[in-house]
Structures are given as C-alpha cells and as structure tokens.
Protein backbone atom coordinates (compact mmCIF):
# COMPACT_ATOMS: atom_id res chain seq x y z
CA MET A 1 -38.22 107.36 92.35
CA ASP A 2 -36.80 107.45 95.85
CA SER A 3 -39.70 109.37 97.37
CA LEU A 4 -42.54 107.22 96.06
CA SER A 5 -44.02 106.82 99.53
CA ASN A 6 -44.75 110.56 99.59
CA LEU A 7 -46.88 110.44 96.44
CA SER A 8 -50.63 109.98 96.32
CA PHE A 9 -52.20 106.80 94.97
CA ILE A 10 -53.44 108.75 91.92
CA ASP A 11 -49.92 109.99 91.19
CA LEU A 12 -48.48 106.48 91.55
CA GLN A 13 -51.18 105.08 89.29
CA ALA A 14 -50.43 107.68 86.59
CA MET A 15 -46.71 107.00 86.83
CA LEU A 16 -47.31 103.25 86.58
CA LYS A 17 -49.51 103.71 83.50
CA TYR A 18 -46.79 105.76 81.81
CA ALA A 19 -44.04 103.30 82.78
CA LEU A 20 -46.06 100.36 81.44
CA GLU A 21 -46.62 102.18 78.15
CA GLN A 22 -42.90 102.92 77.83
CA LYS A 23 -42.01 99.33 78.74
CA ASP A 24 -44.37 98.03 76.03
CA ILE A 25 -42.79 100.36 73.47
CA ALA A 26 -39.28 99.31 74.47
CA ASP A 27 -40.23 95.62 74.45
CA ALA A 28 -41.83 95.95 71.00
CA ALA A 29 -38.68 97.63 69.68
CA GLY A 30 -36.57 94.88 71.21
CA HIS A 31 -34.53 97.18 73.42
CA SER A 32 -34.75 99.63 76.27
CA ALA A 33 -35.09 103.21 75.06
CA ILE A 34 -32.19 105.41 76.14
CA GLY A 35 -30.92 102.65 78.42
CA ILE A 36 -33.85 103.00 80.83
CA ASP A 37 -34.82 99.82 82.65
CA TRP A 38 -38.60 100.13 82.45
CA THR A 39 -39.14 96.70 83.99
CA SER A 40 -37.38 97.83 87.15
CA LYS A 41 -39.34 101.09 87.24
CA VAL A 42 -42.63 99.21 86.81
CA ASP A 43 -41.68 96.84 89.64
CA LYS A 44 -40.82 99.75 91.97
CA LEU A 45 -44.09 101.51 91.22
CA ARG A 46 -46.11 98.33 91.75
CA GLN A 47 -44.38 97.84 95.09
CA ALA A 48 -45.06 101.45 96.10
CA ILE A 49 -48.76 100.99 95.31
CA ALA A 50 -48.84 97.74 97.29
CA ASP A 51 -47.19 99.53 100.23
CA LYS A 52 -49.84 102.27 100.06
CA PHE A 53 -52.59 99.66 100.31
CA ALA A 54 -50.81 97.85 103.13
CA ALA A 55 -50.67 101.10 105.11
CA ILE A 56 -54.46 101.56 104.93
C-alpha cells in the first residue's frame, strides 16, 4: 500500500470497499483474519482518497 498515490480514485474506492468488507468480517468473528490489521488498511485508504481530493 506504499504507492497509493499512483492509483486512480476508482482503484482506491474498490480497494476501500474490499478492506471494509474484510474488516467487518474480522470484527464479526472477533479477530483479525490471518493477523491482518484491516482497521489500519482502511485508515490508509481513506487518507489516500482524501489526498486525491485535496490535490484536485
């Protein structure tokens, strides 16, 4: 997720949708699947989208 600034808004939006789905699944199960911190990934994607809008 280091090169998020190079992705299009559509790509970021799709990645955020997927990350939110995975976070919901992990939260419902009471743990993070395979040790992945989905909350952190969601936060990074939200920030990348905000940065895209700020650059417009």
